[in-house]
């Protein structure tokens, strides 16, 4: 069964964090897509009162998995009242494919993506 879980700590992600220039940075969080004990994808992000910053989304070419992973991270920010998401380091490719962002690297307001299918590609 697929679960998207917030990871306690950043163990096992040191090389990736180092490549992103985030090794030792404060407030870095990781959510993992776990299926039968196997990690199939992950997202690296930070949340401040002003914005969610997404540094990396990794899940291969599985767009359904990417959608679930990205939306779960967006939901964590929305629960804290954060309405702005910035996708850095090229992490905007998957949200763009999913029509979550149209241009640029900013999604605002975040709560817009939880309004049903108004922004879905099929509706455009």
N, C-alpha and C. Protein backbone atom coordinates (compact mmCIF):
# COMPACT_ATOMS: atom_id res chain seq x y z
N UNK A 1 0.83 -1.18 0.00
CA UNK A 1 0.00 0.00 0.00
C UNK A 1 0.88 1.25 0.00
N UNK A 2 0.58 2.16 -0.88
CA UNK A 2 1.34 3.40 -0.97
C UNK A 2 0.97 4.35 0.16
N UNK A 3 2.00 4.90 0.79
CA UNK A 3 1.84 5.92 1.82
C UNK A 3 2.82 7.04 1.55
N UNK A 4 2.40 8.26 1.83
CA UNK A 4 3.32 9.38 1.76
C UNK A 4 3.52 9.86 3.18
N UNK A 5 4.77 9.76 3.63
CA UNK A 5 5.10 9.98 5.03
C UNK A 5 6.18 11.04 5.18
N UNK A 6 6.02 11.88 6.21
CA UNK A 6 7.09 12.80 6.55
C UNK A 6 8.19 11.99 7.22
N UNK A 7 9.40 12.17 6.77
CA UNK A 7 10.55 11.44 7.31
C UNK A 7 11.07 12.16 8.54
N UNK A 8 11.41 11.39 9.57
CA UNK A 8 12.08 11.96 10.74
C UNK A 8 13.56 12.07 10.43
N UNK A 9 14.05 13.29 10.35
CA UNK A 9 15.46 13.50 10.05
C UNK A 9 15.74 13.38 8.56
N UNK A 10 17.01 13.54 8.23
CA UNK A 10 17.43 13.53 6.82
C UNK A 10 18.42 12.43 6.51
N UNK A 11 18.47 11.41 7.37
CA UNK A 11 19.39 10.30 7.17
C UNK A 11 19.17 9.65 5.81
N UNK A 12 20.27 9.37 5.12
CA UNK A 12 20.21 8.74 3.82
C UNK A 12 20.10 9.72 2.66
N UNK A 13 19.91 10.99 2.97
CA UNK A 13 19.75 12.00 1.93
C UNK A 13 20.89 13.01 1.93
N UNK A 14 21.95 12.72 2.66
CA UNK A 14 23.06 13.67 2.80
C UNK A 14 23.68 14.06 1.45
N UNK A 15 23.90 13.08 0.58
CA UNK A 15 24.51 13.38 -0.72
C UNK A 15 23.61 14.27 -1.57
N UNK A 16 22.32 13.99 -1.56
CA UNK A 16 21.38 14.80 -2.34
C UNK A 16 21.32 16.22 -1.77
N UNK A 17 21.25 16.32 -0.45
CA UNK A 17 21.22 17.65 0.19
C UNK A 17 22.50 18.42 -0.10
N UNK A 18 23.62 17.72 -0.09
CA UNK A 18 24.90 18.36 -0.42
C UNK A 18 24.90 18.86 -1.86
N UNK A 19 24.40 18.04 -2.79
CA UNK A 19 24.32 18.44 -4.21
C UNK A 19 23.43 19.67 -4.39
N UNK A 20 22.40 19.79 -3.56
CA UNK A 20 21.48 20.93 -3.64
C UNK A 20 21.99 22.14 -2.86
N UNK A 21 23.12 21.98 -2.16
CA UNK A 21 23.64 23.07 -1.33
C UNK A 21 22.86 23.26 -0.05
N UNK A 22 22.19 22.21 0.40
CA UNK A 22 21.32 22.31 1.58
C UNK A 22 21.84 21.54 2.79
N UNK A 23 22.99 20.91 2.66
CA UNK A 23 23.53 20.13 3.77
C UNK A 23 23.74 21.05 4.97
N UNK A 24 23.13 20.74 6.07
CA UNK A 24 23.25 21.54 7.29
C UNK A 24 22.29 22.72 7.36
N UNK A 25 21.49 22.94 6.32
CA UNK A 25 20.54 24.05 6.33
C UNK A 25 19.41 23.77 7.33
N UNK A 26 18.93 24.80 7.96
CA UNK A 26 17.83 24.67 8.93
C UNK A 26 16.50 24.49 8.23
N UNK A 27 15.62 23.73 8.85
CA UNK A 27 14.25 23.62 8.39
C UNK A 27 14.00 22.73 7.19
N UNK A 28 14.99 21.98 6.77
CA UNK A 28 14.81 21.10 5.61
C UNK A 28 14.01 19.86 6.04
N UNK A 29 12.97 19.57 5.26
CA UNK A 29 12.10 18.43 5.53
C UNK A 29 12.08 17.51 4.32
N UNK A 30 11.78 16.25 4.57
CA UNK A 30 11.68 15.26 3.50
C UNK A 30 10.41 14.45 3.70
N UNK A 31 9.65 14.30 2.63
CA UNK A 31 8.50 13.39 2.62
C UNK A 31 8.83 12.28 1.62
N UNK A 32 8.46 11.06 2.00
CA UNK A 32 8.75 9.91 1.15
C UNK A 32 7.46 9.21 0.73
N UNK A 33 7.45 8.73 -0.50
CA UNK A 33 6.39 7.86 -0.99
C UNK A 33 6.87 6.43 -0.77
N UNK A 34 6.22 5.73 0.15
CA UNK A 34 6.65 4.40 0.56
C UNK A 34 5.58 3.39 0.13
N UNK A 35 6.02 2.37 -0.58
CA UNK A 35 5.12 1.33 -1.07
C UNK A 35 5.67 -0.02 -0.64
N UNK A 36 4.96 -0.70 0.24
CA UNK A 36 5.39 -2.00 0.76
C UNK A 36 6.82 -1.94 1.30
N UNK A 37 7.14 -0.89 2.04
CA UNK A 37 8.45 -0.76 2.66
C UNK A 37 9.54 -0.21 1.76
N UNK A 38 9.23 0.02 0.51
CA UNK A 38 10.20 0.51 -0.47
C UNK A 38 9.91 1.99 -0.77
N UNK A 39 10.95 2.82 -0.76
CA UNK A 39 10.78 4.24 -1.08
C UNK A 39 10.77 4.38 -2.61
N UNK A 40 9.62 4.83 -3.14
CA UNK A 40 9.46 5.01 -4.58
C UNK A 40 9.65 6.45 -5.03
N UNK A 41 9.69 7.37 -4.09
CA UNK A 41 9.86 8.77 -4.43
C UNK A 41 10.01 9.60 -3.18
N UNK A 42 10.44 10.85 -3.38
CA UNK A 42 10.59 11.74 -2.22
C UNK A 42 10.52 13.18 -2.67
N UNK A 43 10.27 14.03 -1.70
CA UNK A 43 10.30 15.47 -1.92
C UNK A 43 11.10 16.13 -0.81
N UNK A 44 11.91 17.11 -1.17
CA UNK A 44 12.71 17.86 -0.21
C UNK A 44 12.19 19.29 -0.23
N UNK A 45 11.90 19.83 0.94
CA UNK A 45 11.25 21.13 1.03
C UNK A 45 11.50 21.78 2.39
N UNK A 46 11.11 23.05 2.48
CA UNK A 46 11.08 23.76 3.76
C UNK A 46 9.83 24.62 3.78
N UNK A 47 9.32 24.84 4.98
CA UNK A 47 8.12 25.67 5.15
C UNK A 47 8.43 26.76 6.16
N UNK A 48 8.22 28.00 5.75
CA UNK A 48 8.31 29.14 6.65
C UNK A 48 6.92 29.77 6.69
N UNK A 49 6.69 30.72 7.58
CA UNK A 49 5.37 31.38 7.59
C UNK A 49 5.05 32.08 6.27
N UNK A 50 6.07 32.44 5.49
CA UNK A 50 5.85 33.16 4.24
C UNK A 50 5.64 32.25 3.04
N UNK A 51 6.35 31.11 3.01
CA UNK A 51 6.25 30.27 1.81
C UNK A 51 6.76 28.86 2.05
N UNK A 52 6.28 27.99 1.16
CA UNK A 52 6.81 26.64 1.01
C UNK A 52 7.86 26.73 -0.09
N UNK A 53 9.03 26.19 0.16
CA UNK A 53 10.05 26.11 -0.88
C UNK A 53 10.31 24.64 -1.16
N UNK A 54 10.08 24.24 -2.41
CA UNK A 54 10.32 22.86 -2.83
C UNK A 54 11.65 22.84 -3.57
N UNK A 55 12.57 22.01 -3.09
CA UNK A 55 13.91 21.94 -3.67
C UNK A 55 14.07 20.79 -4.64
N UNK A 56 13.35 19.69 -4.39
CA UNK A 56 13.50 18.53 -5.27
C UNK A 56 12.29 17.62 -5.10
N UNK A 57 11.80 17.13 -6.23
CA UNK A 57 10.79 16.08 -6.27
C UNK A 57 11.39 14.96 -7.11
N UNK A 58 11.42 13.77 -6.57
CA UNK A 58 12.00 12.64 -7.30
C UNK A 58 11.05 11.46 -7.22
N UNK A 59 10.58 11.02 -8.38
CA UNK A 59 9.71 9.83 -8.42
C UNK A 59 9.72 9.21 -9.81
N UNK A 60 10.83 9.37 -10.51
CA UNK A 60 10.93 8.81 -11.84
C UNK A 60 9.94 9.49 -12.78
N UNK A 61 9.31 8.71 -13.63
CA UNK A 61 8.37 9.27 -14.60
C UNK A 61 6.91 9.02 -14.21
N UNK A 62 6.68 8.60 -12.97
CA UNK A 62 5.34 8.26 -12.51
C UNK A 62 4.59 9.55 -12.13
N UNK A 63 3.77 10.07 -13.05
CA UNK A 63 3.06 11.33 -12.80
C UNK A 63 2.02 11.21 -11.70
N UNK A 64 1.39 10.06 -11.56
CA UNK A 64 0.41 9.88 -10.47
C UNK A 64 1.10 9.95 -9.12
N UNK A 65 2.25 9.33 -9.02
CA UNK A 65 3.02 9.39 -7.78
C UNK A 65 3.49 10.82 -7.53
N UNK A 66 3.96 11.49 -8.57
CA UNK A 66 4.39 12.88 -8.44
C UNK A 66 3.25 13.75 -7.95
N UNK A 67 2.06 13.56 -8.51
CA UNK A 67 0.90 14.34 -8.11
C UNK A 67 0.61 14.15 -6.62
N UNK A 68 0.58 12.92 -6.17
CA UNK A 68 0.31 12.64 -4.76
C UNK A 68 1.38 13.22 -3.84
N UNK A 69 2.62 13.07 -4.23
CA UNK A 69 3.73 13.57 -3.43
C UNK A 69 3.70 15.10 -3.34
N UNK A 70 3.53 15.75 -4.48
CA UNK A 70 3.51 17.22 -4.49
C UNK A 70 2.31 17.74 -3.72
N UNK A 71 1.15 17.17 -3.94
CA UNK A 71 -0.06 17.63 -3.24
C UNK A 71 0.05 17.42 -1.73
N UNK A 72 0.68 16.33 -1.31
CA UNK A 72 0.83 16.11 0.13
C UNK A 72 1.72 17.17 0.76
N UNK A 73 2.76 17.56 0.05
CA UNK A 73 3.66 18.61 0.55
C UNK A 73 2.93 19.96 0.55
N UNK A 74 2.18 20.24 -0.52
CA UNK A 74 1.39 21.47 -0.56
C UNK A 74 0.38 21.51 0.58
N UNK A 75 -0.22 20.35 0.87
CA UNK A 75 -1.21 20.28 1.94
C UNK A 75 -0.59 20.58 3.30
N UNK A 76 0.63 20.09 3.52
CA UNK A 76 1.31 20.40 4.79
C UNK A 76 1.48 21.91 4.97
N UNK A 77 1.83 22.60 3.87
CA UNK A 77 1.97 24.05 3.94
C UNK A 77 0.62 24.72 4.15
N UNK A 78 -0.40 24.27 3.44
CA UNK A 78 -1.74 24.86 3.56
C UNK A 78 -2.27 24.72 4.98
N UNK A 79 -1.97 23.58 5.63
CA UNK A 79 -2.40 23.39 7.02
C UNK A 79 -1.80 24.45 7.95
N UNK A 80 -0.66 24.98 7.57
CA UNK A 80 0.00 26.02 8.37
C UNK A 80 -0.39 27.42 7.92
N UNK A 81 -1.32 27.52 6.97
CA UNK A 81 -1.77 28.81 6.49
C UNK A 81 -0.86 29.44 5.46
N UNK A 82 0.06 28.67 4.91
CA UNK A 82 0.99 29.18 3.89
C UNK A 82 0.32 29.05 2.53
N UNK A 83 0.32 30.12 1.74
CA UNK A 83 -0.37 30.12 0.45
C UNK A 83 0.56 30.31 -0.75
N UNK A 84 1.86 30.35 -0.51
CA UNK A 84 2.80 30.54 -1.62
C UNK A 84 3.80 29.39 -1.64
N UNK A 85 3.96 28.79 -2.82
CA UNK A 85 4.95 27.73 -3.02
C UNK A 85 5.91 28.15 -4.11
N UNK A 86 7.19 27.99 -3.85
CA UNK A 86 8.23 28.29 -4.83
C UNK A 86 8.98 27.00 -5.12
N UNK A 87 9.10 26.67 -6.40
CA UNK A 87 9.79 25.45 -6.83
C UNK A 87 11.17 25.85 -7.33
N UNK A 88 12.21 25.43 -6.62
CA UNK A 88 13.59 25.79 -6.96
C UNK A 88 14.35 24.61 -7.54
N UNK A 89 15.54 24.90 -8.06
CA UNK A 89 16.46 23.87 -8.57
C UNK A 89 15.85 22.98 -9.65
N UNK A 90 14.96 23.52 -10.46
CA UNK A 90 14.34 22.73 -11.51
C UNK A 90 13.22 21.83 -11.03
N UNK A 91 12.79 21.99 -9.77
CA UNK A 91 11.72 21.15 -9.24
C UNK A 91 10.36 21.53 -9.80
N UNK A 92 10.31 22.51 -10.70
CA UNK A 92 9.04 22.96 -11.29
C UNK A 92 8.59 22.09 -12.47
N UNK A 93 9.42 21.20 -12.95
CA UNK A 93 9.08 20.40 -14.14
C UNK A 93 7.83 19.54 -13.91
N UNK A 94 7.79 18.78 -12.82
CA UNK A 94 6.64 17.92 -12.57
C UNK A 94 5.37 18.72 -12.26
N UNK A 95 5.43 19.75 -11.42
CA UNK A 95 4.20 20.54 -11.20
C UNK A 95 3.69 21.19 -12.48
N UNK A 96 4.59 21.53 -13.38
CA UNK A 96 4.18 22.12 -14.65
C UNK A 96 3.48 21.06 -15.52
N UNK A 97 4.03 19.84 -15.57
CA UNK A 97 3.40 18.75 -16.32
C UNK A 97 2.01 18.44 -15.77
N UNK A 98 1.85 18.62 -14.46
CA UNK A 98 0.57 18.33 -13.81
C UNK A 98 -0.37 19.53 -13.83
N UNK A 99 0.06 20.61 -14.50
CA UNK A 99 -0.73 21.85 -14.62
C UNK A 99 -1.01 22.50 -13.26
N UNK A 100 -0.14 22.27 -12.30
CA UNK A 100 -0.26 22.95 -11.01
C UNK A 100 0.28 24.38 -11.09
N UNK A 101 1.30 24.57 -11.94
CA UNK A 101 1.80 25.91 -12.23
C UNK A 101 1.81 26.07 -13.74
N UNK A 102 1.51 27.27 -14.18
CA UNK A 102 1.42 27.52 -15.62
C UNK A 102 2.73 28.09 -16.17
N UNK A 103 3.27 29.08 -15.48
CA UNK A 103 4.53 29.69 -15.91
C UNK A 103 5.29 30.12 -14.66
N UNK A 104 6.57 30.34 -14.81
CA UNK A 104 7.38 30.70 -13.65
C UNK A 104 7.56 29.51 -12.73
N UNK A 105 7.89 29.80 -11.49
CA UNK A 105 8.16 28.74 -10.52
C UNK A 105 7.35 28.92 -9.24
N UNK A 106 6.33 29.79 -9.28
CA UNK A 106 5.54 30.10 -8.09
C UNK A 106 4.11 29.61 -8.27
N UNK A 107 3.60 28.97 -7.22
CA UNK A 107 2.19 28.58 -7.14
C UNK A 107 1.57 29.39 -6.01
N UNK A 108 0.56 30.18 -6.35
CA UNK A 108 -0.09 31.00 -5.34
C UNK A 108 -1.51 31.30 -5.81
N UNK A 109 -2.52 31.02 -5.03
CA UNK A 109 -2.49 30.43 -3.70
C UNK A 109 -2.45 28.90 -3.76
N UNK A 110 -1.81 28.33 -2.78
CA UNK A 110 -1.70 26.87 -2.69
C UNK A 110 -3.08 26.24 -2.59
N UNK A 111 -3.97 26.85 -1.83
CA UNK A 111 -5.29 26.26 -1.61
C UNK A 111 -6.07 26.07 -2.91
N UNK A 112 -5.68 26.75 -3.97
CA UNK A 112 -6.33 26.62 -5.27
C UNK A 112 -6.26 25.19 -5.82
N UNK A 113 -5.19 24.47 -5.51
CA UNK A 113 -5.05 23.11 -6.06
C UNK A 113 -5.94 22.09 -5.36
N UNK A 114 -6.58 22.50 -4.27
CA UNK A 114 -7.46 21.58 -3.56
C UNK A 114 -8.92 21.86 -3.84
N UNK A 115 -9.20 22.61 -4.92
CA UNK A 115 -10.57 22.98 -5.26
C UNK A 115 -11.21 22.08 -6.29
N UNK A 116 -10.85 20.84 -6.36
CA UNK A 116 -11.43 19.95 -7.36
C UNK A 116 -10.62 19.98 -8.65
N UNK A 117 -11.29 19.87 -9.76
CA UNK A 117 -10.61 19.75 -11.05
C UNK A 117 -10.65 21.02 -11.89
N UNK A 118 -10.89 22.18 -11.27
CA UNK A 118 -10.98 23.40 -12.05
C UNK A 118 -9.72 23.66 -12.86
N UNK A 119 -8.53 23.34 -12.31
CA UNK A 119 -7.28 23.61 -13.01
C UNK A 119 -6.69 22.43 -13.74
N UNK A 120 -7.39 21.31 -13.76
CA UNK A 120 -6.86 20.10 -14.38
C UNK A 120 -6.66 20.29 -15.89
N UNK A 121 -5.71 19.56 -16.42
CA UNK A 121 -5.42 19.64 -17.85
C UNK A 121 -6.64 19.27 -18.69
N UNK A 122 -7.45 18.33 -18.23
CA UNK A 122 -8.62 17.90 -18.99
C UNK A 122 -9.64 19.02 -19.13
N UNK A 123 -9.65 19.97 -18.21
CA UNK A 123 -10.62 21.06 -18.22
C UNK A 123 -10.18 22.22 -19.11
N UNK A 124 -8.94 22.19 -19.58
CA UNK A 124 -8.41 23.33 -20.34
C UNK A 124 -8.59 23.14 -21.82
